Amino acid sequence: MSILEIENLGVTFSTETGDVPAVRDVSLRVRPGETLALVGESGSGKSTVALAAMGLLPGSARATGRVRVGGTDVIGAAEADLAGLRGRTASMVFQEPATALDPLTRIGAQIAEVIRNHRPVPVKDAAREAVELLRRVGIPEPERRAFAYPFQLSGGQRQRVVIAMAIANAPSLLIADEPTTALDVTVQAEILDLLRGLAADSGTGVLLVTHNMGVVADFADRVAVMLQGEVVETGPVEEVLLRPTDDYTRRLLEAVPRLSLADPPSGARDRPVEEPVVDLREVSVRFGRGRRAVRALDGVSLTVRPGETVGLVGESGSGKSTAARVALGLVAPSAGSVSLFGADLGRAGGRARRALLSGVGVVLQDPVASLDARMSVGECVAEPLRVHRRGMSSAERRARVADVLELVRLPRDLAHRGPRELSGGQRQRVSLARALVLRPRLLVADEPTSALDVSVQRSVLEVIRELQDELGFACLFVSHDLAVVQQFAQHVVVLRAGRIEEEGSTATTLLHPRTDYTRRLIAAVPVPDPVLQRRRRDERRAAMGVKA
């Protein structure tokens, strides 16, 4: 018997311009203990299917067909019945933990609330269960962390908390919508092991919505591929990933960045010899004071030279984003120095500092958060010009905006639209256009493609690479995706707990690492081949002393 049955599901959204069909005639089943991966590009309808299964579609949506969870019909059910279903029979893990957690409530209390909403558990017992759940999902010092607020945790830790809430009542069905997007590879591997154990021990069925084909190969039993609201291919994971029958599935798999396990070709490019664009020398950063002070960076030295891309990698909390913020002048080092374009950034002030920073462009992970929804695309891109090029006329700014939009492969008329009218890939290209509008000498990219599906990710990276070849800017590239770093960066710096673990050319460091830590990072990267990934997972677990 299936824990989730979807038959002929159709979902249509009512808009000001008319009805928009999002899902057409979708039929799927998830059995107890089984994981079904739902994959496809942004806008394919996979998240809409997940929301329909939980009865969480917005009021503008009209659903037809049949959805049953644990024998209960979801479509047309009363809200009281759905409230009893959610969190007990079925739970959901959302992609963005920041929106799923109450910023004003301690995380232990939030987990305990989920427990007590569905089971008659005394307050103290629920609090103890919350701590144990935090320990189970790998939160360090769970007794202390239970009293933390969400903003005091890293993105990866917040996602673990959301998963702890989802499994608190041992649901029969777990719907996970991009549950590992914000996680580094080692945490991702641990979370997948946790969910795999949950499915095996408790018989929990899992509907996994993801664009990460490595995660699919590592975790799924079956795969359903969606395109424009329809399922175009479905079958066992080995059949779909290794022997796809649909052209769209083949194109999707071809776009997946793959971590090369073979030796690099001879004649790898040496590091440039020019003067560094940015140079961090023995930089340390401490947050807080006294015993509670946290050392985010400890004696870090790194350089990025003209035309070069340096990849910063490491686990969540390793200090890679802090290092990027130091290079941007957003965080002042507690010790050490930062040289930007040959000038001491720490000593520069006023106009001199502004002039230095005008040579730096920034692309952040979340384009929705980095673009002002109240402004048009053209206004968002032009804002750096208004700040740093005050002598430009409005006509000159419009012309520059139009030119840079074309540079990132976007049509000029997009300038009149709002950021929320665009797809995720288009918004990220707008962020790139904003970063390049001042023609910077340094581009800092902090996880610029982690939230994008694989085909959009490839196109964005291709645009950055082509523009770097054309314009010659240096790039500091922060990422937890080692396959992307291997393809995109010439030099890699591996950070661990605020210190440099090792560094060197990407071609050799990611294939012949010198330290156990880097080897563990590489071993945790899932590859989109179920047979190979199963062997890599067994080898990783054996190296950790864990039985398969």
Protein backbone atom coordinates (compact mmCIF):
# COMPACT_ATOMS: atom_id res chain seq x y z
CA MET A 1 0.00 0.00 0.00
CA SER A 2 1.27 3.47 -0.89
CA ILE A 3 1.61 6.16 1.78
CA LEU A 4 1.19 8.82 -0.94
CA GLU A 5 -1.08 8.34 -3.96
CA ILE A 6 -1.43 11.06 -6.59
CA GLU A 7 -3.78 10.36 -9.47
CA ASN A 8 -4.36 12.67 -12.43
CA LEU A 9 -3.44 15.77 -10.43
CA GLY A 10 -4.02 19.07 -12.15
CA VAL A 11 -3.29 22.49 -10.61
CA THR A 12 -4.30 25.81 -12.18
CA PHE A 13 -3.51 29.26 -10.76
CA SER A 14 -5.90 32.17 -11.24
CA THR A 15 -4.10 35.40 -12.18
CA GLU A 16 -5.10 38.87 -13.31
CA THR A 17 -4.38 37.87 -16.91
CA GLY A 18 -6.25 34.56 -16.74
CA ASP A 19 -5.79 30.95 -15.63
CA VAL A 20 -2.26 29.49 -15.69
CA PRO A 21 -1.93 25.68 -15.62
CA ALA A 22 1.02 24.63 -13.43
CA VAL A 23 0.51 20.85 -13.20
CA ARG A 24 -1.17 18.59 -15.76
CA ASP A 25 -2.36 15.01 -15.21
CA VAL A 26 0.39 13.94 -12.79
CA SER A 27 0.18 10.48 -11.22
CA LEU A 28 2.75 9.32 -8.64
CA ARG A 29 3.03 6.87 -5.74
CA VAL A 30 5.35 6.65 -2.74
CA ARG A 31 5.46 3.41 -0.77
CA PRO A 32 6.55 3.05 2.89
CA GLY A 33 10.35 3.11 3.18
CA GLU A 34 10.75 4.31 -0.42
CA THR A 35 12.21 7.56 -1.74
CA LEU A 36 10.79 9.07 -4.92
CA ALA A 37 12.83 11.96 -6.34
CA LEU A 38 10.89 14.61 -8.26
CA VAL A 39 13.30 16.49 -10.54
CA GLY A 40 13.10 19.15 -13.21
CA GLU A 41 14.01 22.75 -13.91
CA SER A 42 12.62 25.77 -12.10
CA GLY A 43 8.97 26.23 -13.08
CA SER A 44 8.44 22.57 -13.99
CA GLY A 45 5.76 22.18 -11.30
CA LYS A 46 7.59 19.89 -8.88
CA SER A 47 7.18 22.15 -5.82
CA THR A 48 3.50 22.64 -6.70
CA VAL A 49 3.03 18.85 -6.58
CA ALA A 50 4.71 18.79 -3.15
CA LEU A 51 2.48 21.58 -1.81
CA ALA A 52 -0.62 19.85 -3.19
CA ALA A 53 0.33 16.67 -1.35
CA MET A 54 0.36 18.61 1.93
CA GLY A 55 -2.81 20.60 1.17
CA LEU A 56 -0.76 23.81 1.21
CA LEU A 57 -1.68 25.27 -2.16
CA PRO A 58 -2.55 29.00 -2.02
CA GLY A 59 -6.09 30.24 -2.39
CA SER A 60 -5.46 31.23 -6.00
CA ALA A 61 -4.88 27.56 -6.93
CA ARG A 62 -7.55 25.15 -8.15
CA ALA A 63 -6.70 21.44 -7.86
CA THR A 64 -8.34 18.52 -9.65
CA GLY A 65 -7.71 14.81 -9.48
CA ARG A 66 -6.96 12.83 -6.35
CA VAL A 67 -4.31 13.07 -3.63
CA ARG A 68 -4.34 10.59 -0.73
CA VAL A 69 -1.90 10.60 2.22
CA GLY A 70 -2.12 7.63 4.54
CA GLY A 71 -5.60 6.87 3.19
CA THR A 72 -6.89 10.43 3.71
CA ASP A 73 -8.11 12.47 0.74
CA VAL A 74 -6.27 15.81 0.74
CA ILE A 75 -8.06 17.69 -2.05
CA GLY A 76 -11.25 19.15 -0.62
CA ALA A 77 -10.46 18.11 2.96
CA ALA A 78 -11.41 20.38 5.87
CA GLU A 79 -8.62 22.47 7.33
CA ALA A 80 -9.05 20.79 10.74
CA ASP A 81 -8.45 17.38 9.15
CA LEU A 82 -5.40 18.65 7.30
CA ALA A 83 -4.00 20.19 10.50
CA GLY A 84 -4.15 16.78 12.16
CA LEU A 85 -2.46 15.20 9.16
CA ARG A 86 0.42 17.65 8.89
CA GLY A 87 3.27 17.07 11.29
CA ARG A 88 1.99 13.67 12.37
CA THR A 89 1.21 11.54 9.31
CA ALA A 90 3.09 13.80 6.88
CA SER A 91 5.76 16.45 7.40
CA MET A 92 7.52 18.83 5.07
CA VAL A 93 11.05 20.22 4.95
CA PHE A 94 11.16 23.53 3.09
CA GLN A 95 14.10 24.84 1.09
CA GLU A 96 14.61 28.08 3.02
CA PRO A 97 14.84 27.49 6.79
CA ALA A 98 14.80 31.22 7.53
CA THR A 99 11.14 31.39 6.49
CA ALA A 100 10.20 28.17 8.31
CA LEU A 101 11.53 29.21 11.74
CA ASP A 102 10.16 31.86 14.10
CA PRO A 103 13.00 34.38 14.58
CA LEU A 104 11.67 35.37 18.03
CA THR A 105 11.46 31.87 19.56
CA ARG A 106 14.31 29.66 20.76
CA ILE A 107 14.80 26.62 18.56
CA GLY A 108 14.29 24.12 21.38
CA ALA A 109 10.91 25.65 22.14
CA GLN A 110 9.93 25.52 18.46
CA ILE A 111 10.70 21.80 18.24
CA ALA A 112 8.93 21.11 21.53
CA GLU A 113 5.85 22.94 20.24
CA VAL A 114 5.70 20.63 17.21
CA ILE A 115 5.89 17.61 19.53
CA ARG A 116 3.16 18.84 21.88
CA ASN A 117 0.85 19.85 19.02
CA HIS A 118 0.44 16.17 18.12
CA ARG A 119 1.23 14.19 21.27
CA PRO A 120 0.21 14.61 24.95
CA VAL A 121 3.79 15.11 26.17
CA PRO A 122 4.66 17.12 29.33
CA VAL A 123 6.63 20.32 28.73
CA LYS A 124 9.84 19.00 30.30
CA ASP A 125 9.71 15.76 28.34
CA ALA A 126 9.13 17.66 25.09
CA ALA A 127 12.14 19.85 25.88
CA ARG A 128 14.30 16.75 26.43
CA GLU A 129 13.02 15.24 23.17
CA ALA A 130 13.91 18.48 21.38
CA VAL A 131 17.49 18.28 22.63
CA GLU A 132 17.73 14.64 21.55
CA LEU A 133 16.40 15.53 18.09
CA LEU A 134 19.03 18.27 17.79
CA ARG A 135 21.67 15.70 18.69
CA ARG A 136 20.22 13.26 16.16
CA VAL A 137 20.51 15.73 13.29
CA GLY A 138 24.09 16.57 14.23
CA ILE A 139 23.78 19.95 15.97
CA PRO A 140 26.88 20.44 18.18
CA GLU A 141 26.27 21.06 21.90
CA PRO A 142 22.50 20.45 21.56
CA GLU A 143 21.74 21.28 25.21
CA ARG A 144 23.16 24.77 24.72
CA ARG A 145 21.93 25.25 21.16
CA ALA A 146 18.35 24.51 22.21
CA PHE A 147 18.34 27.97 23.86
CA ALA A 148 19.66 29.71 20.71
CA TYR A 149 17.57 31.81 18.36
CA PRO A 150 17.60 30.99 14.60
CA PHE A 151 19.79 33.99 13.74
CA GLN A 152 22.52 32.61 16.03
CA LEU A 153 22.91 29.48 13.87
CA SER A 154 24.54 28.99 10.48
CA GLY A 155 22.40 28.25 7.42
CA GLY A 156 23.31 24.58 7.57
CA GLN A 157 22.44 24.39 11.26
CA ARG A 158 19.06 26.07 10.65
CA GLN A 159 18.28 23.48 7.98
CA ARG A 160 19.10 20.70 10.47
CA VAL A 161 16.67 22.28 12.93
CA VAL A 162 13.93 22.28 10.28
CA ILE A 163 14.60 18.59 9.61
CA ALA A 164 14.49 17.88 13.35
CA MET A 165 11.04 19.50 13.49
CA ALA A 166 9.88 17.47 10.48
CA ILE A 167 10.87 14.11 11.98
CA ALA A 168 9.82 14.95 15.55
CA ASN A 169 6.67 12.83 15.40
CA ALA A 170 8.01 10.00 13.21
CA PRO A 171 5.81 10.79 10.19
CA SER A 172 4.84 8.13 7.68
CA LEU A 173 5.55 10.53 4.82
CA LEU A 174 8.30 13.14 4.60
CA ILE A 175 8.17 15.67 1.78
CA ALA A 176 11.55 17.35 1.36
CA ASP A 177 11.68 20.36 -0.98
CA GLU A 178 15.36 21.01 -1.79
CA PRO A 179 16.41 20.02 1.76
CA THR A 180 20.18 20.13 1.13
CA THR A 181 20.57 23.18 -1.14
CA ALA A 182 22.05 25.35 1.61
CA LEU A 183 24.27 22.62 3.07
CA ASP A 184 27.93 21.90 2.47
CA VAL A 185 28.84 18.47 1.14
CA THR A 186 29.74 16.82 4.45
CA VAL A 187 26.61 18.06 6.22
CA GLN A 188 24.59 17.08 3.15
CA ALA A 189 26.00 13.54 3.34
CA GLU A 190 25.17 13.34 7.06
CA ILE A 191 21.60 14.58 6.49
CA LEU A 192 21.07 12.08 3.68
CA ASP A 193 22.38 9.30 5.94
CA LEU A 194 19.94 10.46 8.62
CA LEU A 195 16.96 10.48 6.23
CA ARG A 196 18.04 7.13 4.76
CA GLY A 197 18.12 5.62 8.24
CA LEU A 198 14.71 7.12 9.00
CA ALA A 199 13.24 5.50 5.91
CA ALA A 200 14.85 2.14 6.72
CA ASP A 201 14.10 2.06 10.46
CA SER A 202 10.65 3.66 10.56
CA GLY A 203 9.37 2.83 7.09
CA THR A 204 8.95 6.51 6.30
CA GLY A 205 8.24 7.25 2.65
CA VAL A 206 10.07 10.26 1.20
CA LEU A 207 9.09 12.54 -1.66
CA LEU A 208 12.32 14.38 -2.50
CA VAL A 209 12.10 17.54 -4.62
CA THR A 210 15.54 18.53 -5.85
CA HIS A 211 17.65 19.74 -8.76
CA ASN A 212 20.79 18.02 -7.42
CA MET A 213 21.28 14.86 -9.46
CA GLY A 214 24.09 13.71 -7.16
CA VAL A 215 21.63 13.72 -4.26
CA VAL A 216 19.15 11.80 -6.42
CA ALA A 217 21.78 9.16 -7.22
CA ASP A 218 22.77 8.92 -3.55
CA PHE A 219 19.33 8.79 -1.98
CA ALA A 220 16.45 7.97 -4.33
CA ASP A 221 14.94 4.59 -5.24
CA ARG A 222 12.84 5.95 -8.10
CA VAL A 223 12.84 9.17 -10.15
CA ALA A 224 10.10 11.19 -11.84
CA VAL A 225 11.22 13.91 -14.27
CA MET A 226 8.91 16.91 -14.78
CA LEU A 227 8.80 19.40 -17.64
CA GLN A 228 6.24 22.21 -17.93
CA GLY A 229 3.88 20.64 -15.42
CA GLU A 230 3.96 17.09 -16.80
CA VAL A 231 5.88 13.94 -15.89
CA VAL A 232 7.95 13.07 -18.98
CA GLU A 233 9.86 10.09 -17.56
CA THR A 234 9.73 7.91 -14.48
CA GLY A 235 11.43 4.74 -13.31
CA PRO A 236 14.10 3.22 -11.05
CA VAL A 237 16.98 5.59 -10.32
CA GLU A 238 19.56 3.52 -12.20
CA GLU A 239 17.37 3.34 -15.30
CA VAL A 240 16.57 7.06 -15.41
CA LEU A 241 20.04 8.40 -14.57
CA LEU A 242 22.11 5.89 -16.53
CA ARG A 243 19.77 5.01 -19.42
CA PRO A 244 17.32 7.93 -19.88
CA THR A 245 14.79 7.58 -22.67
CA ASP A 246 13.50 11.16 -22.87
CA ASP A 247 15.51 13.88 -24.65
CA TYR A 248 14.79 16.38 -21.86
CA THR A 249 16.15 14.01 -19.21
CA ARG A 250 19.32 13.55 -21.26
CA ARG A 251 19.78 17.33 -21.61
CA LEU A 252 19.23 17.77 -17.87
CA LEU A 253 21.88 15.17 -17.04
CA GLU A 254 24.36 16.66 -19.52
CA ALA A 255 24.17 19.98 -17.65
CA VAL A 256 25.14 18.46 -14.29
CA PRO A 257 28.61 19.58 -13.10
CA ARG A 258 30.61 16.45 -12.30
CA LEU A 259 33.57 16.16 -9.99
CA SER A 260 36.35 14.67 -12.10
CA LEU A 261 38.08 11.73 -10.45
CA ALA A 262 40.78 11.40 -13.13
CA ASP A 263 44.20 13.03 -13.15
CA PRO A 264 44.24 16.46 -14.84
CA PRO A 265 45.84 16.81 -18.27
CA SER A 266 49.47 17.86 -18.29
CA GLY A 267 50.38 21.47 -18.77
CA ALA A 268 47.98 22.94 -16.18
CA ARG A 269 48.05 26.74 -16.10
CA ASP A 270 50.34 28.34 -13.52
CA ARG A 271 49.15 31.16 -11.26
CA PRO A 272 49.48 34.65 -12.74
CA VAL A 273 52.54 36.62 -11.63
CA GLU A 274 50.93 40.09 -11.64
CA GLU A 275 50.42 42.10 -8.48
CA PRO A 276 47.39 40.83 -6.48
CA VAL A 277 44.04 42.52 -6.92
CA VAL A 278 43.22 41.60 -3.32
CA ASP A 279 45.70 40.36 -0.72
CA LEU A 280 44.79 39.15 2.77
CA ARG A 281 47.83 38.88 5.07
CA GLU A 282 47.55 36.93 8.35
CA VAL A 283 43.96 38.07 8.79
CA SER A 284 42.10 37.14 11.97
CA VAL A 285 38.50 38.02 12.78
CA ARG A 286 36.78 37.67 16.13
CA PHE A 287 33.09 38.22 16.80
CA GLY A 288 32.03 39.10 20.35
CA ARG A 289 34.11 39.69 23.46
CA GLY A 290 35.52 37.76 26.35
CA ARG A 291 34.87 34.06 26.76
CA ARG A 292 31.97 34.12 24.32
CA ALA A 293 34.11 35.53 21.50
CA VAL A 294 34.13 33.42 18.35
CA ARG A 295 37.24 33.32 16.16
CA ALA A 296 35.88 33.26 12.61
CA LEU A 297 39.29 33.59 10.91
CA ASP A 298 42.70 32.77 12.34
CA GLY A 299 45.78 33.94 10.45
CA VAL A 300 44.36 33.56 6.93
CA SER A 301 46.48 34.69 3.98
CA LEU A 302 45.25 34.54 0.40
CA THR A 303 45.68 36.42 -2.85
CA VAL A 304 43.64 36.83 -6.02
CA ARG A 305 45.42 38.08 -9.13
CA PRO A 306 44.10 39.73 -12.33
CA GLY A 307 42.10 37.36 -14.51
CA GLU A 308 42.28 34.57 -11.91
CA THR A 309 39.47 32.76 -10.12
CA VAL A 310 40.23 31.55 -6.59
CA GLY A 311 37.74 29.13 -5.06
CA LEU A 312 37.08 29.28 -1.30
CA VAL A 313 35.70 25.98 -0.04
CA GLY A 314 34.97 24.41 3.32
CA GLU A 315 32.16 23.35 5.59
CA SER A 316 29.51 25.66 6.97
CA GLY A 317 31.17 27.82 9.63
CA SER A 318 34.67 27.37 8.15
CA GLY A 319 35.02 31.12 7.60
CA LYS A 320 34.80 31.30 3.81
CA SER A 321 31.99 33.89 3.70
CA THR A 322 33.74 35.91 6.43
CA ALA A 323 36.92 35.95 4.31
CA ALA A 324 34.88 37.24 1.37
CA ARG A 325 33.35 39.99 3.53
CA VAL A 326 36.82 41.00 4.72
CA ALA A 327 37.91 41.34 1.08
CA LEU A 328 34.84 43.52 0.49
CA GLY A 329 35.60 45.75 3.45
CA LEU A 330 32.37 44.73 5.18
CA VAL A 331 34.19 43.10 8.11
CA ALA A 332 37.23 44.72 9.73
CA PRO A 333 39.94 42.22 10.70
CA SER A 334 40.93 41.96 14.35
CA ALA A 335 44.51 41.39 13.19
CA GLY A 336 46.36 41.35 9.88
CA SER A 337 45.97 43.54 6.82
CA VAL A 338 43.90 43.73 3.64
CA SER A 339 45.32 45.19 0.44
CA LEU A 340 42.84 46.07 -2.32
CA PHE A 341 44.30 47.14 -5.68
CA GLY A 342 47.61 47.82 -3.94
CA ALA A 343 46.15 50.10 -1.24
CA ASP A 344 45.70 49.33 2.46
CA LEU A 345 41.92 49.00 2.81
CA GLY A 346 42.08 49.38 6.60
CA ARG A 347 43.72 52.81 6.36
CA ALA A 348 41.61 54.14 3.51
CA GLY A 349 38.67 56.31 4.47
CA GLY A 350 36.08 58.60 2.97
CA ARG A 351 36.42 59.18 -0.76
CA ALA A 352 39.55 57.01 -1.05
CA ARG A 353 37.76 54.02 0.43
CA ARG A 354 34.69 54.59 -1.75
CA ALA A 355 36.92 54.78 -4.83
CA LEU A 356 38.58 51.46 -3.92
CA LEU A 357 35.28 49.68 -3.31
CA SER A 358 33.84 50.96 -6.58
CA GLY A 359 36.24 48.52 -8.24
CA VAL A 360 34.55 45.53 -6.60
CA GLY A 361 31.38 43.78 -7.77
CA VAL A 362 29.37 41.37 -5.63
CA VAL A 363 27.04 38.49 -6.54
CA LEU A 364 25.21 36.93 -3.60
CA GLN A 365 23.52 33.53 -3.16
CA ASP A 366 19.93 34.76 -3.03
CA PRO A 367 19.01 37.23 -5.81
CA VAL A 368 15.53 37.71 -4.31
CA ALA A 369 17.05 39.13 -1.12
CA SER A 370 19.74 41.16 -2.91
CA LEU A 371 17.39 42.93 -5.36
CA ASP A 372 14.93 45.55 -4.08
CA ALA A 373 11.43 44.36 -5.04
CA ARG A 374 10.21 47.99 -5.03
CA MET A 375 12.59 48.92 -7.85
CA SER A 376 12.58 47.95 -11.51
CA VAL A 377 15.38 45.80 -12.91
CA GLY A 378 16.87 48.88 -14.55
CA GLU A 379 16.83 50.81 -11.27
CA CYS A 380 18.47 47.90 -9.41
CA VAL A 381 21.28 47.66 -11.95
CA ALA A 382 21.76 51.45 -12.10
CA GLU A 383 21.98 51.97 -8.33
CA PRO A 384 25.80 51.51 -8.13
CA LEU A 385 26.15 54.13 -10.89
CA ARG A 386 24.10 56.63 -8.87
CA VAL A 387 26.34 56.02 -5.85
CA HIS A 388 29.76 55.92 -7.51
CA ARG A 389 29.29 57.79 -10.81
CA ARG A 390 27.36 60.86 -9.74
CA GLY A 391 28.44 62.82 -12.80
CA MET A 392 26.57 60.52 -15.19
CA SER A 393 23.32 61.76 -16.67
CA SER A 394 20.17 59.64 -16.47
CA ALA A 395 20.43 58.95 -20.22
CA GLU A 396 24.01 57.74 -19.81
CA ARG A 397 22.95 55.48 -16.93
CA ARG A 398 20.11 53.99 -19.00
CA ALA A 399 22.51 53.31 -21.86
CA ARG A 400 25.03 51.65 -19.54
CA VAL A 401 22.29 49.51 -17.97
CA ALA A 402 21.07 48.40 -21.40
CA ASP A 403 24.63 47.50 -22.44
CA VAL A 404 25.34 45.46 -19.29
CA LEU A 405 22.01 43.60 -19.55
CA GLU A 406 23.01 42.50 -23.03
CA LEU A 407 26.42 41.59 -21.66
CA VAL A 408 24.82 39.03 -19.31
CA ARG A 409 22.59 37.71 -22.13
CA LEU A 410 19.38 39.47 -21.08
CA PRO A 411 17.15 41.58 -23.39
CA ARG A 412 17.29 45.35 -22.94
CA ASP A 413 13.52 45.66 -22.41
CA LEU A 414 13.84 43.61 -19.20
CA ALA A 415 14.92 46.85 -17.50
CA HIS A 416 11.27 47.91 -17.15
CA ARG A 417 10.15 44.77 -15.32
CA GLY A 418 10.27 43.98 -11.60
CA PRO A 419 12.70 41.40 -10.11
CA ARG A 420 9.83 39.18 -8.94
CA GLU A 421 8.55 38.88 -12.51
CA LEU A 422 11.72 37.02 -13.53
CA SER A 423 12.86 33.42 -13.15
CA GLY A 424 15.60 32.49 -10.68
CA GLY A 425 18.22 32.34 -13.42
CA GLN A 426 17.17 35.72 -14.82
CA ARG A 427 17.30 37.32 -11.37
CA GLN A 428 20.81 35.95 -10.81
CA ARG A 429 21.89 37.41 -14.16
CA VAL A 430 20.43 40.77 -13.09
CA SER A 431 22.55 40.51 -9.90
CA LEU A 432 25.56 39.82 -12.11
CA ALA A 433 24.72 42.82 -14.30
CA ARG A 434 24.50 45.00 -11.18
CA ALA A 435 27.89 43.69 -10.06
CA LEU A 436 29.50 44.42 -13.44
CA VAL A 437 27.90 47.78 -14.22
CA LEU A 438 30.89 49.65 -12.72
CA ARG A 439 33.32 47.48 -14.73
CA PRO A 440 35.01 46.15 -11.59
CA ARG A 441 38.51 44.71 -11.33
CA LEU A 442 37.34 42.16 -8.73
CA LEU A 443 34.15 40.09 -8.62
CA VAL A 444 33.22 38.43 -5.31
CA ALA A 445 30.69 35.64 -5.82
CA ASP A 446 29.30 34.06 -2.64
CA GLU A 447 27.41 30.83 -3.53
CA PRO A 448 26.02 32.44 -6.72
CA THR A 449 24.50 29.28 -8.20
CA SER A 450 23.61 26.98 -5.28
CA ALA A 451 19.88 27.75 -5.46
CA LEU A 452 19.66 27.34 -9.26
CA ASP A 453 18.73 24.24 -11.21
CA VAL A 454 21.54 22.61 -13.16
CA SER A 455 20.82 24.00 -16.63
CA VAL A 456 20.42 27.58 -15.34
CA GLN A 457 23.51 27.12 -13.16
CA ARG A 458 25.56 26.11 -16.19
CA SER A 459 24.36 29.10 -18.22
CA VAL A 460 25.14 31.57 -15.40
CA LEU A 461 28.64 30.12 -14.92
CA GLU A 462 29.25 30.21 -18.67
CA VAL A 463 28.31 33.90 -18.73
CA ILE A 464 30.67 34.69 -15.83
CA ARG A 465 33.51 32.74 -17.48
CA GLU A 466 33.00 34.44 -20.86
CA LEU A 467 32.82 37.89 -19.27
CA GLN A 468 35.95 37.21 -17.24
CA ASP A 469 37.82 36.28 -20.42
CA GLU A 470 36.49 39.41 -22.10
CA LEU A 471 36.88 41.94 -19.27
CA GLY A 472 39.79 40.40 -17.34
CA PHE A 473 38.43 40.83 -13.82
CA ALA A 474 39.63 38.68 -10.92
CA CYS A 475 37.10 36.50 -9.10
CA LEU A 476 36.89 35.28 -5.51
CA PHE A 477 34.41 32.40 -5.74
CA VAL A 478 32.85 31.06 -2.52
CA SER A 479 31.08 27.72 -2.91
CA HIS A 480 30.35 24.41 -1.23
CA ASP A 481 29.93 22.71 -4.63
CA LEU A 482 33.35 21.20 -5.31
CA ALA A 483 32.36 20.07 -8.81
CA VAL A 484 31.58 23.68 -9.78
CA VAL A 485 34.80 24.92 -8.15
CA GLN A 486 36.82 22.30 -10.03
CA GLN A 487 35.39 23.47 -13.35
CA PHE A 488 35.45 27.21 -12.63
CA ALA A 489 38.47 28.07 -10.44
CA GLN A 490 42.18 27.85 -11.19
CA HIS A 491 43.28 27.99 -7.54
CA VAL A 492 41.51 26.65 -4.46
CA VAL A 493 41.80 27.50 -0.77
CA VAL A 494 40.34 24.98 1.69
CA LEU A 495 39.20 26.53 4.99
CA ARG A 496 38.48 24.68 8.21
CA ALA A 497 37.43 26.31 11.49
CA GLY A 498 38.78 29.68 10.35
CA ARG A 499 42.17 28.42 9.21
CA ILE A 500 43.59 27.41 5.84
CA GLU A 501 43.77 23.63 5.76
CA GLU A 502 45.51 23.52 2.39
CA GLU A 503 45.66 25.39 -0.90
CA GLY A 504 47.00 24.93 -4.40
CA SER A 505 45.99 24.60 -8.01
CA THR A 506 42.45 23.28 -8.32
CA ALA A 507 43.56 20.64 -10.82
CA THR A 508 45.75 18.91 -8.24
CA THR A 509 44.29 19.88 -4.84
CA LEU A 510 40.88 18.32 -5.51
CA LEU A 511 42.40 15.15 -6.99
CA HIS A 512 45.46 14.67 -4.79
CA PRO A 513 44.65 16.38 -1.47
CA ARG A 514 47.32 16.41 1.21
CA THR A 515 45.04 16.45 4.27
CA ASP A 516 42.41 14.06 5.61
CA TYR A 517 39.92 16.92 5.91
CA THR A 518 40.04 17.74 2.19
CA ARG A 519 39.81 14.04 1.38
CA ARG A 520 36.64 13.81 3.50
CA LEU A 521 35.16 16.82 1.68
CA ILE A 522 35.80 15.21 -1.70
CA ALA A 523 34.51 11.81 -0.57
CA ALA A 524 31.23 13.43 0.53
CA VAL A 525 30.48 14.91 -2.92
CA PRO A 526 27.67 12.87 -4.52
CA VAL A 527 28.04 12.01 -8.21
CA PRO A 528 25.03 11.54 -10.56
CA ASP A 529 25.74 7.85 -11.10
CA PRO A 530 23.80 5.58 -8.68
CA VAL A 531 26.22 2.63 -9.01
CA LEU A 532 29.36 4.72 -8.55
CA GLN A 533 27.75 6.80 -5.81
CA ARG A 534 26.76 3.67 -3.86
CA ARG A 535 30.38 2.53 -3.92
CA ARG A 536 31.66 5.99 -2.91
CA ARG A 537 29.16 6.12 -0.04
CA ASP A 538 30.24 2.70 1.23
CA GLU A 539 33.90 3.73 1.01
CA ARG A 540 33.20 6.97 2.89
CA ARG A 541 31.31 5.17 5.64
CA ALA A 542 34.01 2.52 5.90
CA ALA A 543 36.66 5.23 6.29
CA MET A 544 34.56 6.71 9.11
CA GLY A 545 34.22 3.29 10.77
CA VAL A 546 30.47 3.12 10.08
CA LYS A 547 28.90 -0.15 8.98
CA ALA A 548 27.06 -0.08 5.66
